Amino acid sequence: MSNEVKTTSEDKALQIYNFLNISENDKKKIFDQNYLKLLLKEHKDLDTSYIVQFLQKAMILGADPRINQVYLLKHFSSKEGRYVGTVVFNYHFMLNVANQTGEYEGVIVEYKTEDVFDPIKKETTKEAVATAQVRRKGITSSYTAYWSECYNSKNPIWNTRGKSMLQKCAVVGAIRLAFPESTSGMYIEEEISDNVFNHNEARAEQVLNKFNEG
């Protein structure tokens, strides 16, 4: 008979809770222990280190996971032989981060089709591109998003609202260039490639409801 003690989600939640040294203020907000238990249950096939990384990023940037300002995506890595996690942020949250600096002066986005040369195939094809120009204190940072680099076949929204999705990729790319000290390393779901499962908004709503009820 095995003497191994099974670690419950409650145990893991308490371990994370103590490890992060969460303040009394945060205990009352997004890092309530009940929320941690729900998060662990939702991502039980992920190593706890991904949960810790996710919560640390949320704490540092002041993003609330309960309202999807930041969330955790997972996909199976055949290279590692396990599920791995990716932290992504809400598009509007990233805009707000830039705006809160007091130096954000707006963005202009252009969507068009242009000739793009593929150095691998050595051919030129027509491709949809979106270019965003973000202004910060009179200085413009420009970023161009290409359809071939951003399109995600696992996300059906790309087939119905592809223009909007590509524009979002361009905008956040320009924001990272304009505000590197605030947004470096922050990515939105629209930028995530095919091999990552897309965030299920309906499922997130269920988790949030359970949290609010508890």
N, C-alpha and C. Protein backbone atom coordinates (compact mmCIF):
# COMPACT_ATOMS: atom_id res chain seq x y z
N MET A 1 0.83 -1.19 0.00
CA MET A 1 0.00 0.00 0.00
C MET A 1 0.87 1.25 0.00
N SER A 2 0.63 2.17 -0.91
CA SER A 2 1.47 3.35 -1.06
C SER A 2 1.20 4.36 0.04
N ASN A 3 2.32 4.95 0.54
CA ASN A 3 2.21 6.00 1.56
C ASN A 3 2.23 7.40 0.95
N GLU A 4 2.20 7.45 -0.37
CA GLU A 4 2.28 8.73 -1.07
C GLU A 4 1.05 9.58 -0.74
N VAL A 5 1.31 10.83 -0.39
CA VAL A 5 0.23 11.76 -0.07
C VAL A 5 -0.13 12.56 -1.31
N LYS A 6 -1.38 12.50 -1.70
CA LYS A 6 -1.82 13.20 -2.89
C LYS A 6 -1.99 14.69 -2.60
N THR A 7 -1.40 15.52 -3.48
CA THR A 7 -1.50 16.97 -3.32
C THR A 7 -2.80 17.46 -3.95
N THR A 8 -3.63 18.08 -3.17
CA THR A 8 -4.92 18.57 -3.67
C THR A 8 -4.75 19.97 -4.26
N SER A 9 -5.80 20.43 -4.97
CA SER A 9 -5.77 21.77 -5.53
C SER A 9 -5.71 22.81 -4.41
N GLU A 10 -6.32 22.48 -3.26
CA GLU A 10 -6.27 23.39 -2.11
C GLU A 10 -4.85 23.54 -1.60
N ASP A 11 -4.12 22.41 -1.55
CA ASP A 11 -2.72 22.44 -1.10
C ASP A 11 -1.88 23.28 -2.05
N LYS A 12 -2.05 23.04 -3.35
CA LYS A 12 -1.28 23.78 -4.34
C LYS A 12 -1.60 25.28 -4.30
N ALA A 13 -2.88 25.58 -4.12
CA ALA A 13 -3.29 26.98 -4.05
C ALA A 13 -2.62 27.68 -2.88
N LEU A 14 -2.56 26.99 -1.73
CA LEU A 14 -1.94 27.57 -0.55
C LEU A 14 -0.44 27.75 -0.76
N GLN A 15 0.19 26.79 -1.43
CA GLN A 15 1.62 26.88 -1.71
C GLN A 15 1.92 28.10 -2.59
N ILE A 16 1.11 28.28 -3.64
CA ILE A 16 1.29 29.42 -4.53
C ILE A 16 1.01 30.72 -3.79
N TYR A 17 -0.03 30.69 -3.01
CA TYR A 17 -0.46 31.85 -2.22
C TYR A 17 0.68 32.34 -1.33
N ASN A 18 1.34 31.40 -0.67
CA ASN A 18 2.45 31.74 0.23
C ASN A 18 3.70 32.12 -0.56
N PHE A 19 3.96 31.40 -1.66
CA PHE A 19 5.16 31.66 -2.46
C PHE A 19 5.16 33.07 -3.03
N LEU A 20 3.99 33.52 -3.50
CA LEU A 20 3.90 34.84 -4.11
C LEU A 20 3.87 35.96 -3.07
N ASN A 21 3.74 35.60 -1.81
CA ASN A 21 3.71 36.59 -0.73
C ASN A 21 2.69 37.69 -1.04
N ILE A 22 1.47 37.26 -1.30
CA ILE A 22 0.41 38.17 -1.74
C ILE A 22 0.00 39.12 -0.61
N SER A 23 -0.13 40.38 -0.96
CA SER A 23 -0.50 41.40 0.02
C SER A 23 -1.96 41.26 0.43
N GLU A 24 -2.30 41.88 1.56
CA GLU A 24 -3.68 41.85 2.03
C GLU A 24 -4.62 42.48 1.00
N ASN A 25 -4.14 43.51 0.31
CA ASN A 25 -4.96 44.19 -0.69
C ASN A 25 -5.29 43.27 -1.86
N ASP A 26 -4.27 42.51 -2.31
CA ASP A 26 -4.48 41.59 -3.43
C ASP A 26 -5.33 40.39 -3.03
N LYS A 27 -5.27 40.02 -1.75
CA LYS A 27 -6.09 38.90 -1.29
C LYS A 27 -7.57 39.21 -1.49
N LYS A 28 -7.92 40.49 -1.35
CA LYS A 28 -9.31 40.90 -1.47
C LYS A 28 -9.72 41.09 -2.93
N LYS A 29 -8.72 41.10 -3.83
CA LYS A 29 -9.02 41.34 -5.24
C LYS A 29 -8.85 40.06 -6.06
N ILE A 30 -7.88 40.05 -6.95
CA ILE A 30 -7.83 38.98 -7.96
C ILE A 30 -7.16 37.69 -7.51
N PHE A 31 -6.46 37.70 -6.36
CA PHE A 31 -5.73 36.51 -5.98
C PHE A 31 -6.32 35.82 -4.76
N ASP A 32 -7.63 35.91 -4.66
CA ASP A 32 -8.34 35.19 -3.62
C ASP A 32 -8.01 33.71 -3.75
N GLN A 33 -7.86 33.04 -2.63
CA GLN A 33 -7.46 31.63 -2.66
C GLN A 33 -8.47 30.76 -3.40
N ASN A 34 -9.75 31.13 -3.33
CA ASN A 34 -10.77 30.38 -4.07
C ASN A 34 -10.52 30.46 -5.57
N TYR A 35 -10.08 31.64 -6.02
CA TYR A 35 -9.78 31.80 -7.45
C TYR A 35 -8.60 30.91 -7.84
N LEU A 36 -7.59 30.84 -6.98
CA LEU A 36 -6.44 29.99 -7.27
C LEU A 36 -6.85 28.53 -7.43
N LYS A 37 -7.76 28.09 -6.58
CA LYS A 37 -8.22 26.71 -6.67
C LYS A 37 -8.95 26.45 -7.99
N LEU A 38 -9.75 27.41 -8.41
CA LEU A 38 -10.44 27.28 -9.70
C LEU A 38 -9.46 27.27 -10.85
N LEU A 39 -8.45 28.13 -10.75
CA LEU A 39 -7.43 28.22 -11.79
C LEU A 39 -6.66 26.91 -11.91
N LEU A 40 -6.31 26.33 -10.80
CA LEU A 40 -5.58 25.07 -10.80
C LEU A 40 -6.44 23.93 -11.36
N LYS A 41 -7.73 23.95 -11.02
CA LYS A 41 -8.63 22.93 -11.53
C LYS A 41 -8.77 23.06 -13.05
N GLU A 42 -8.85 24.28 -13.53
CA GLU A 42 -9.00 24.54 -14.96
C GLU A 42 -7.76 24.12 -15.74
N HIS A 43 -6.60 24.22 -15.10
CA HIS A 43 -5.33 23.89 -15.77
C HIS A 43 -4.59 22.79 -15.02
N LYS A 44 -5.31 21.75 -14.65
CA LYS A 44 -4.72 20.67 -13.87
C LYS A 44 -3.65 19.89 -14.62
N ASP A 45 -3.64 19.99 -15.95
CA ASP A 45 -2.62 19.27 -16.73
C ASP A 45 -1.40 20.13 -17.02
N LEU A 46 -1.34 21.33 -16.40
CA LEU A 46 -0.16 22.20 -16.54
C LEU A 46 0.70 22.12 -15.29
N ASP A 47 2.01 22.22 -15.48
CA ASP A 47 2.91 22.29 -14.35
C ASP A 47 2.60 23.57 -13.55
N THR A 48 2.70 23.49 -12.24
CA THR A 48 2.37 24.62 -11.37
C THR A 48 3.21 25.85 -11.69
N SER A 49 4.40 25.66 -12.22
CA SER A 49 5.27 26.80 -12.53
C SER A 49 4.62 27.76 -13.53
N TYR A 50 3.79 27.23 -14.44
CA TYR A 50 3.10 28.09 -15.40
C TYR A 50 2.04 28.94 -14.69
N ILE A 51 1.40 28.37 -13.68
CA ILE A 51 0.41 29.11 -12.91
C ILE A 51 1.09 30.26 -12.16
N VAL A 52 2.24 29.96 -11.57
CA VAL A 52 2.99 30.97 -10.83
C VAL A 52 3.43 32.10 -11.75
N GLN A 53 3.96 31.74 -12.92
CA GLN A 53 4.40 32.75 -13.89
C GLN A 53 3.23 33.63 -14.33
N PHE A 54 2.09 32.99 -14.57
CA PHE A 54 0.88 33.71 -14.98
C PHE A 54 0.46 34.72 -13.92
N LEU A 55 0.41 34.29 -12.67
CA LEU A 55 -0.02 35.17 -11.59
C LEU A 55 0.99 36.29 -11.32
N GLN A 56 2.27 35.97 -11.45
CA GLN A 56 3.29 36.99 -11.26
C GLN A 56 3.17 38.10 -12.29
N LYS A 57 2.94 37.74 -13.55
CA LYS A 57 2.77 38.74 -14.59
C LYS A 57 1.53 39.58 -14.34
N ALA A 58 0.47 38.93 -13.90
CA ALA A 58 -0.77 39.64 -13.61
C ALA A 58 -0.56 40.64 -12.48
N MET A 59 0.16 40.23 -11.44
CA MET A 59 0.43 41.10 -10.30
C MET A 59 1.28 42.29 -10.69
N ILE A 60 2.34 42.04 -11.44
CA ILE A 60 3.27 43.11 -11.83
C ILE A 60 2.58 44.15 -12.70
N LEU A 61 1.73 43.70 -13.62
CA LEU A 61 1.10 44.61 -14.57
C LEU A 61 -0.28 45.08 -14.14
N GLY A 62 -0.77 44.55 -13.03
CA GLY A 62 -2.08 44.97 -12.55
C GLY A 62 -3.23 44.50 -13.41
N ALA A 63 -3.07 43.33 -14.05
CA ALA A 63 -4.10 42.78 -14.94
C ALA A 63 -4.98 41.82 -14.16
N ASP A 64 -6.29 41.93 -14.33
CA ASP A 64 -7.26 41.10 -13.61
C ASP A 64 -7.68 39.91 -14.48
N PRO A 65 -7.28 38.68 -14.12
CA PRO A 65 -7.64 37.51 -14.93
C PRO A 65 -9.11 37.17 -14.90
N ARG A 66 -9.83 37.63 -13.88
CA ARG A 66 -11.25 37.29 -13.77
C ARG A 66 -12.08 37.97 -14.85
N ILE A 67 -11.60 39.08 -15.39
CA ILE A 67 -12.32 39.77 -16.46
C ILE A 67 -11.51 39.71 -17.76
N ASN A 68 -10.65 38.70 -17.84
CA ASN A 68 -9.89 38.41 -19.07
C ASN A 68 -8.96 39.53 -19.52
N GLN A 69 -8.43 40.30 -18.59
CA GLN A 69 -7.38 41.25 -18.97
C GLN A 69 -6.09 40.49 -19.26
N VAL A 70 -5.95 39.34 -18.62
CA VAL A 70 -4.83 38.44 -18.85
C VAL A 70 -5.34 37.02 -18.64
N TYR A 71 -4.87 36.08 -19.45
CA TYR A 71 -5.30 34.70 -19.27
C TYR A 71 -4.24 33.74 -19.78
N LEU A 72 -4.45 32.50 -19.45
CA LEU A 72 -3.46 31.46 -19.72
C LEU A 72 -3.96 30.51 -20.80
N LEU A 73 -3.18 30.36 -21.85
CA LEU A 73 -3.50 29.40 -22.91
C LEU A 73 -2.57 28.20 -22.75
N LYS A 74 -3.03 27.06 -23.20
CA LYS A 74 -2.18 25.87 -23.12
C LYS A 74 -2.20 25.12 -24.45
N HIS A 75 -1.10 24.45 -24.71
CA HIS A 75 -1.07 23.56 -25.87
C HIS A 75 -0.10 22.42 -25.56
N PHE A 76 -0.28 21.32 -26.28
CA PHE A 76 0.58 20.17 -26.04
C PHE A 76 1.85 20.29 -26.87
N SER A 77 2.99 20.25 -26.20
CA SER A 77 4.28 20.32 -26.87
C SER A 77 4.81 18.90 -27.12
N SER A 78 4.87 18.51 -28.38
CA SER A 78 5.38 17.18 -28.71
C SER A 78 6.86 17.10 -28.38
N LYS A 79 7.55 18.23 -28.42
CA LYS A 79 8.98 18.26 -28.11
C LYS A 79 9.21 17.97 -26.63
N GLU A 80 8.38 18.56 -25.76
CA GLU A 80 8.54 18.37 -24.33
C GLU A 80 7.71 17.20 -23.80
N GLY A 81 6.73 16.76 -24.62
CA GLY A 81 5.90 15.65 -24.21
C GLY A 81 4.92 15.99 -23.10
N ARG A 82 4.50 17.24 -23.04
CA ARG A 82 3.58 17.67 -21.99
C ARG A 82 2.89 18.96 -22.44
N TYR A 83 1.88 19.38 -21.66
CA TYR A 83 1.23 20.64 -21.92
C TYR A 83 2.09 21.79 -21.39
N VAL A 84 2.15 22.86 -22.16
CA VAL A 84 2.88 24.06 -21.73
C VAL A 84 1.93 25.25 -21.78
N GLY A 85 2.22 26.27 -21.00
CA GLY A 85 1.34 27.43 -20.91
C GLY A 85 1.92 28.67 -21.56
N THR A 86 1.02 29.52 -22.08
CA THR A 86 1.40 30.80 -22.67
C THR A 86 0.52 31.89 -22.08
N VAL A 87 1.13 32.94 -21.55
CA VAL A 87 0.38 34.05 -20.97
C VAL A 87 0.07 35.08 -22.05
N VAL A 88 -1.20 35.42 -22.21
CA VAL A 88 -1.59 36.43 -23.19
C VAL A 88 -2.46 37.50 -22.52
N PHE A 89 -2.47 38.68 -23.14
CA PHE A 89 -3.19 39.82 -22.57
C PHE A 89 -4.32 40.26 -23.49
N ASN A 90 -5.29 40.93 -22.90
CA ASN A 90 -6.41 41.47 -23.64
C ASN A 90 -5.96 42.68 -24.46
N TYR A 91 -6.45 42.78 -25.68
CA TYR A 91 -6.09 43.89 -26.59
C TYR A 91 -6.35 45.25 -25.94
N HIS A 92 -7.52 45.42 -25.35
CA HIS A 92 -7.87 46.71 -24.76
C HIS A 92 -7.05 47.00 -23.50
N PHE A 93 -6.62 45.95 -22.81
CA PHE A 93 -5.77 46.16 -21.65
C PHE A 93 -4.43 46.74 -22.09
N MET A 94 -3.89 46.24 -23.19
CA MET A 94 -2.62 46.75 -23.69
C MET A 94 -2.74 48.22 -24.10
N LEU A 95 -3.86 48.56 -24.74
CA LEU A 95 -4.09 49.97 -25.10
C LEU A 95 -4.14 50.84 -23.84
N ASN A 96 -4.77 50.31 -22.81
CA ASN A 96 -4.90 51.05 -21.56
C ASN A 96 -3.55 51.25 -20.88
N VAL A 97 -2.69 50.23 -20.95
CA VAL A 97 -1.35 50.34 -20.37
C VAL A 97 -0.60 51.50 -21.02
N ALA A 98 -0.69 51.59 -22.35
CA ALA A 98 -0.04 52.68 -23.06
C ALA A 98 -0.66 54.03 -22.69
N ASN A 99 -1.97 54.06 -22.60
CA ASN A 99 -2.68 55.30 -22.29
C ASN A 99 -2.36 55.81 -20.89
N GLN A 100 -2.16 54.90 -19.95
CA GLN A 100 -1.88 55.29 -18.58
C GLN A 100 -0.52 55.95 -18.39
N THR A 101 0.35 55.83 -19.38
CA THR A 101 1.65 56.50 -19.27
C THR A 101 1.51 58.01 -19.41
N GLY A 102 0.36 58.45 -19.99
CA GLY A 102 0.16 59.87 -20.22
C GLY A 102 0.88 60.39 -21.45
N GLU A 103 1.53 59.48 -22.18
CA GLU A 103 2.31 59.88 -23.36
C GLU A 103 1.75 59.33 -24.66
N TYR A 104 0.70 58.54 -24.54
CA TYR A 104 0.08 57.94 -25.73
C TYR A 104 -0.78 58.98 -26.44
N GLU A 105 -0.52 59.18 -27.73
CA GLU A 105 -1.23 60.21 -28.51
C GLU A 105 -2.06 59.64 -29.63
N GLY A 106 -2.36 58.35 -29.58
CA GLY A 106 -3.25 57.77 -30.57
C GLY A 106 -2.57 56.86 -31.58
N VAL A 107 -3.40 56.22 -32.40
CA VAL A 107 -2.90 55.28 -33.39
C VAL A 107 -3.68 55.42 -34.69
N ILE A 108 -2.98 55.24 -35.80
CA ILE A 108 -3.59 55.23 -37.12
C ILE A 108 -3.27 53.87 -37.75
N VAL A 109 -4.30 53.21 -38.28
CA VAL A 109 -4.10 51.88 -38.87
C VAL A 109 -4.52 51.88 -40.33
N GLU A 110 -3.69 51.31 -41.17
CA GLU A 110 -4.00 51.19 -42.61
C GLU A 110 -4.01 49.71 -42.99
N TYR A 111 -5.07 49.31 -43.65
CA TYR A 111 -5.21 47.92 -44.11
C TYR A 111 -5.24 47.93 -45.63
N LYS A 112 -4.42 47.08 -46.24
CA LYS A 112 -4.38 47.04 -47.71
C LYS A 112 -3.80 45.71 -48.19
N THR A 113 -3.83 45.53 -49.49
CA THR A 113 -3.22 44.38 -50.13
C THR A 113 -2.00 44.86 -50.90
N GLU A 114 -0.88 44.19 -50.73
CA GLU A 114 0.33 44.60 -51.44
C GLU A 114 1.13 43.39 -51.90
N ASP A 115 2.07 43.62 -52.78
CA ASP A 115 2.94 42.56 -53.27
C ASP A 115 4.00 42.26 -52.21
N VAL A 116 4.09 41.00 -51.80
CA VAL A 116 5.05 40.59 -50.78
C VAL A 116 5.93 39.48 -51.34
N PHE A 117 7.25 39.66 -51.23
CA PHE A 117 8.18 38.66 -51.73
C PHE A 117 8.48 37.62 -50.67
N ASP A 118 8.34 36.34 -51.02
CA ASP A 118 8.63 35.22 -50.13
C ASP A 118 10.04 34.72 -50.45
N PRO A 119 11.01 34.95 -49.55
CA PRO A 119 12.39 34.54 -49.83
C PRO A 119 12.59 33.03 -49.85
N ILE A 120 11.67 32.28 -49.24
CA ILE A 120 11.78 30.82 -49.23
C ILE A 120 11.30 30.24 -50.57
N LYS A 121 10.09 30.67 -50.95
CA LYS A 121 9.54 30.19 -52.22
C LYS A 121 10.09 30.96 -53.42
N LYS A 122 10.75 32.09 -53.13
CA LYS A 122 11.32 32.96 -54.17
C LYS A 122 10.26 33.41 -55.18
N GLU A 123 9.15 33.86 -54.63
CA GLU A 123 8.08 34.36 -55.48
C GLU A 123 7.34 35.50 -54.78
N THR A 124 6.70 36.33 -55.59
CA THR A 124 5.95 37.47 -55.07
C THR A 124 4.46 37.19 -55.18
N THR A 125 3.73 37.40 -54.09
CA THR A 125 2.29 37.16 -54.09
C THR A 125 1.57 38.34 -53.46
N LYS A 126 0.27 38.43 -53.73
CA LYS A 126 -0.57 39.46 -53.13
C LYS A 126 -0.91 39.02 -51.70
N GLU A 127 -0.77 39.93 -50.77
CA GLU A 127 -1.05 39.57 -49.38
C GLU A 127 -1.67 40.75 -48.63
N ALA A 128 -2.59 40.43 -47.74
CA ALA A 128 -3.20 41.45 -46.89
C ALA A 128 -2.21 41.84 -45.80
N VAL A 129 -2.06 43.15 -45.60
CA VAL A 129 -1.17 43.65 -44.55
C VAL A 129 -1.88 44.79 -43.81
N ALA A 130 -1.51 44.96 -42.55
CA ALA A 130 -2.04 46.07 -41.76
C ALA A 130 -0.85 46.78 -41.12
N THR A 131 -0.80 48.09 -41.29
CA THR A 131 0.28 48.88 -40.71
C THR A 131 -0.29 49.87 -39.70
N ALA A 132 0.26 49.83 -38.49
CA ALA A 132 -0.19 50.72 -37.42
C ALA A 132 0.91 51.72 -37.09
N GLN A 133 0.51 52.96 -36.86
CA GLN A 133 1.44 54.01 -36.45
C GLN A 133 0.97 54.56 -35.11
N VAL A 134 1.76 54.31 -34.08
CA VAL A 134 1.45 54.79 -32.73
C VAL A 134 2.32 56.00 -32.41
N ARG A 135 1.66 57.05 -31.92
CA ARG A 135 2.40 58.27 -31.58
C ARG A 135 2.59 58.37 -30.06
N ARG A 136 3.83 58.68 -29.68
CA ARG A 136 4.19 58.89 -28.28
C ARG A 136 5.02 60.17 -28.17
N LYS A 137 4.45 61.18 -27.59
CA LYS A 137 5.12 62.47 -27.41
C LYS A 137 5.72 62.96 -28.71
N GLY A 138 4.94 62.88 -29.77
CA GLY A 138 5.38 63.41 -31.06
C GLY A 138 6.23 62.47 -31.88
N ILE A 139 6.58 61.31 -31.33
CA ILE A 139 7.40 60.33 -32.05
C ILE A 139 6.52 59.18 -32.50
N THR A 140 6.65 58.79 -33.78
CA THR A 140 5.82 57.73 -34.35
C THR A 140 6.58 56.40 -34.44
N SER A 141 5.94 55.34 -33.95
CA SER A 141 6.48 53.99 -34.09
C SER A 141 5.55 53.21 -35.00
N SER A 142 6.12 52.58 -36.03
CA SER A 142 5.32 51.89 -37.04
C SER A 142 5.59 50.39 -37.04
N TYR A 143 4.51 49.62 -37.22
CA TYR A 143 4.64 48.16 -37.27
C TYR A 143 3.66 47.60 -38.30
N THR A 144 4.15 46.67 -39.13
CA THR A 144 3.31 46.05 -40.16
C THR A 144 3.09 44.57 -39.84
N ALA A 145 1.83 44.17 -39.83
CA ALA A 145 1.46 42.77 -39.60
C ALA A 145 1.06 42.14 -40.92
N TYR A 146 1.59 40.96 -41.21
CA TYR A 146 1.31 40.26 -42.47
C TYR A 146 0.36 39.09 -42.23
N TRP A 147 -0.56 38.93 -43.16
CA TRP A 147 -1.56 37.87 -43.04
C TRP A 147 -0.91 36.50 -42.88
N SER A 148 0.10 36.21 -43.67
CA SER A 148 0.75 34.89 -43.66
C SER A 148 1.41 34.60 -42.33
N GLU A 149 1.79 35.62 -41.58
CA GLU A 149 2.46 35.43 -40.30
C GLU A 149 1.48 35.39 -39.13
N CYS A 150 0.31 35.97 -39.30
CA CYS A 150 -0.63 36.10 -38.18
C CYS A 150 -1.83 35.17 -38.25
N TYR A 151 -2.23 34.77 -39.43
CA TYR A 151 -3.44 33.96 -39.59
C TYR A 151 -3.38 32.67 -38.79
N ASN A 152 -4.43 32.40 -38.03
CA ASN A 152 -4.51 31.19 -37.20
C ASN A 152 -5.70 30.36 -37.65
N SER A 153 -5.43 29.25 -38.28
CA SER A 153 -6.50 28.40 -38.83
C SER A 153 -7.37 27.76 -37.74
N LYS A 154 -6.86 27.71 -36.50
CA LYS A 154 -7.64 27.12 -35.41
C LYS A 154 -8.64 28.10 -34.80
N ASN A 155 -8.55 29.35 -35.20
CA ASN A 155 -9.47 30.37 -34.68
C ASN A 155 -10.42 30.79 -35.79
N PRO A 156 -11.69 30.35 -35.74
CA PRO A 156 -12.66 30.64 -36.81
C PRO A 156 -12.93 32.13 -37.02
N ILE A 157 -12.64 32.95 -36.02
CA ILE A 157 -12.88 34.39 -36.16
C ILE A 157 -12.02 34.98 -37.26
N TRP A 158 -10.86 34.37 -37.51
CA TRP A 158 -9.99 34.85 -38.58
C TRP A 158 -10.69 34.75 -39.94
N ASN A 159 -11.61 33.81 -40.09
CA ASN A 159 -12.30 33.62 -41.37
C ASN A 159 -13.46 34.58 -41.56
N THR A 160 -13.92 35.20 -40.48
CA THR A 160 -15.07 36.11 -40.58
C THR A 160 -14.70 37.57 -40.28
N ARG A 161 -13.65 37.75 -39.47
CA ARG A 161 -13.24 39.11 -39.10
C ARG A 161 -11.73 39.26 -39.23
N GLY A 162 -11.22 38.73 -40.33
CA GLY A 162 -9.78 38.73 -40.54
C GLY A 162 -9.14 40.11 -40.57
N LYS A 163 -9.84 41.07 -41.15
CA LYS A 163 -9.30 42.43 -41.22
C LYS A 163 -9.09 43.01 -39.83
N SER A 164 -10.11 42.86 -38.98
CA SER A 164 -10.03 43.38 -37.62
C SER A 164 -8.92 42.69 -36.82
N MET A 165 -8.79 41.38 -37.00
CA MET A 165 -7.78 40.61 -36.28
C MET A 165 -6.37 41.06 -36.68
N LEU A 166 -6.16 41.26 -37.99
CA LEU A 166 -4.84 41.67 -38.48
C LEU A 166 -4.51 43.08 -37.99
N GLN A 167 -5.51 43.95 -37.95
CA GLN A 167 -5.28 45.31 -37.46
C GLN A 167 -4.87 45.30 -36.00
N LYS A 168 -5.49 44.42 -35.21
CA LYS A 168 -5.11 44.32 -33.79
C LYS A 168 -3.65 43.90 -33.64
N CYS A 169 -3.22 42.95 -34.47
CA CYS A 169 -1.83 42.51 -34.42
C CYS A 169 -0.88 43.65 -34.72
N ALA A 170 -1.26 44.47 -35.69
CA ALA A 170 -0.42 45.61 -36.06
C ALA A 170 -0.36 46.64 -34.94
N VAL A 171 -1.51 46.92 -34.34
CA VAL A 171 -1.57 47.93 -33.28
C VAL A 171 -0.72 47.54 -32.08
N VAL A 172 -0.86 46.30 -31.58
CA VAL A 172 -0.09 45.91 -30.40
C VAL A 172 1.40 45.80 -30.72
N GLY A 173 1.72 45.46 -31.97
CA GLY A 173 3.13 45.43 -32.37
C GLY A 173 3.73 46.83 -32.30
N ALA A 174 2.97 47.83 -32.75
CA ALA A 174 3.44 49.22 -32.70
C ALA A 174 3.51 49.73 -31.26
N ILE A 175 2.56 49.30 -30.43
CA ILE A 175 2.57 49.70 -29.02
C ILE A 175 3.81 49.18 -28.32
N ARG A 176 4.19 47.93 -28.60
CA ARG A 176 5.41 47.38 -27.99
C ARG A 176 6.64 48.17 -28.40
N LEU A 177 6.67 48.64 -29.64
CA LEU A 177 7.80 49.44 -30.11
C LEU A 177 7.81 50.82 -29.44
N ALA A 178 6.64 51.39 -29.27
CA ALA A 178 6.53 52.74 -28.71
C ALA A 178 6.70 52.76 -27.19
N PHE A 179 6.23 51.69 -26.51
CA PHE A 179 6.27 51.64 -25.05
C PHE A 179 6.95 50.35 -24.57
N PRO A 180 8.21 50.16 -24.92
CA PRO A 180 8.88 48.90 -24.55
C PRO A 180 9.01 48.68 -23.05
N GLU A 181 9.15 49.76 -22.29
CA GLU A 181 9.33 49.62 -20.85
C GLU A 181 8.04 49.17 -20.15
N SER A 182 6.90 49.37 -20.82
CA SER A 182 5.61 49.01 -20.22
C SER A 182 4.99 47.75 -20.81
N THR A 183 5.30 47.45 -22.08
CA THR A 183 4.59 46.37 -22.77
C THR A 183 5.49 45.29 -23.37
N SER A 184 6.78 45.37 -23.16
CA SER A 184 7.68 44.35 -23.72
C SER A 184 7.30 42.97 -23.18
N GLY A 185 7.18 42.01 -24.07
CA GLY A 185 6.82 40.65 -23.66
C GLY A 185 5.34 40.42 -23.50
N MET A 186 4.53 41.44 -23.80
CA MET A 186 3.07 41.28 -23.73
C MET A 186 2.53 40.98 -25.13
N TYR A 187 1.74 39.91 -25.25
CA TYR A 187 1.16 39.53 -26.53
C TYR A 187 -0.33 39.26 -26.36
N ILE A 188 -1.08 39.45 -27.43
CA ILE A 188 -2.51 39.17 -27.40
C ILE A 188 -2.78 37.85 -28.11
N GLU A 189 -3.97 37.30 -27.91
CA GLU A 189 -4.29 36.00 -28.47
C GLU A 189 -4.24 36.00 -30.00
N GLU A 190 -4.62 37.12 -30.60
CA GLU A 190 -4.62 37.20 -32.06
C GLU A 190 -3.23 36.95 -32.65
N GLU A 191 -2.19 37.14 -31.85
CA GLU A 191 -0.83 36.94 -32.33
C GLU A 191 -0.33 35.51 -32.14
N ILE A 192 -1.10 34.71 -31.40
CA ILE A 192 -0.65 33.35 -31.10
C ILE A 192 -0.81 32.45 -32.32
N SER A 193 0.19 31.63 -32.55
CA SER A 193 0.21 30.79 -33.75
C SER A 193 -0.69 29.58 -33.63
N ASP A 194 -0.77 28.80 -34.70
CA ASP A 194 -1.67 27.65 -34.81
C ASP A 194 -1.54 26.61 -33.72
N ASN A 195 -0.32 26.44 -33.18
CA ASN A 195 -0.11 25.31 -32.27
C ASN A 195 -0.56 25.58 -30.84
N VAL A 196 -1.21 26.73 -30.61
CA VAL A 196 -1.72 27.03 -29.28
C VAL A 196 -3.24 27.04 -29.32
N PHE A 197 -3.86 26.32 -28.39
CA PHE A 197 -5.32 26.31 -28.33
C PHE A 197 -5.83 27.72 -28.04
N ASN A 198 -6.87 28.10 -28.71
CA ASN A 198 -7.43 29.43 -28.49
C ASN A 198 -8.24 29.48 -27.21
N HIS A 199 -8.25 30.65 -26.61
CA HIS A 199 -8.99 30.89 -25.37
C HIS A 199 -10.48 30.71 -25.64
N ASN A 200 -11.13 29.95 -24.77
CA ASN A 200 -12.55 29.70 -24.92
C ASN A 200 -13.33 30.69 -24.05
N GLU A 201 -13.89 31.71 -24.67
CA GLU A 201 -14.57 32.77 -23.93
C GLU A 201 -15.76 32.23 -23.13
N ALA A 202 -16.49 31.29 -23.70
CA ALA A 202 -17.64 30.73 -23.00
C ALA A 202 -17.19 29.99 -21.74
N ARG A 203 -16.11 29.24 -21.86
CA ARG A 203 -15.58 28.50 -20.71
C ARG A 203 -15.09 29.48 -19.64
N ALA A 204 -14.45 30.55 -20.08
CA ALA A 204 -13.95 31.56 -19.14
C ALA A 204 -15.11 32.19 -18.37
N GLU A 205 -16.23 32.38 -19.07
CA GLU A 205 -17.42 32.95 -18.44
C GLU A 205 -17.93 32.02 -17.35
N GLN A 206 -17.90 30.72 -17.61
CA GLN A 206 -18.35 29.75 -16.63
C GLN A 206 -17.48 29.78 -15.37
N VAL A 207 -16.16 29.86 -15.59
CA VAL A 207 -15.23 29.90 -14.47
C VAL A 207 -15.45 31.15 -13.64
N LEU A 208 -15.63 32.29 -14.33
CA LEU A 208 -15.86 33.55 -13.63
C LEU A 208 -17.15 33.49 -12.81
N ASN A 209 -18.20 32.92 -13.38
CA ASN A 209 -19.46 32.80 -12.67
C ASN A 209 -19.32 31.96 -11.41
N LYS A 210 -18.58 30.85 -11.54
CA LYS A 210 -18.36 29.96 -10.39
C LYS A 210 -17.62 30.73 -9.28
N PHE A 211 -16.63 31.54 -9.71
CA PHE A 211 -15.85 32.29 -8.73
C PHE A 211 -16.72 33.30 -8.00
N ASN A 212 -17.55 34.02 -8.76
CA ASN A 212 -18.42 35.02 -8.17
C ASN A 212 -19.46 34.42 -7.24
N GLU A 213 -19.91 33.20 -7.58
CA GLU A 213 -20.90 32.52 -6.74
C GLU A 213 -20.29 32.04 -5.44
N GLY A 214 -18.97 31.68 -5.51
CA GLY A 214 -18.35 31.12 -4.33
C GLY A 214 -17.87 32.13 -3.34
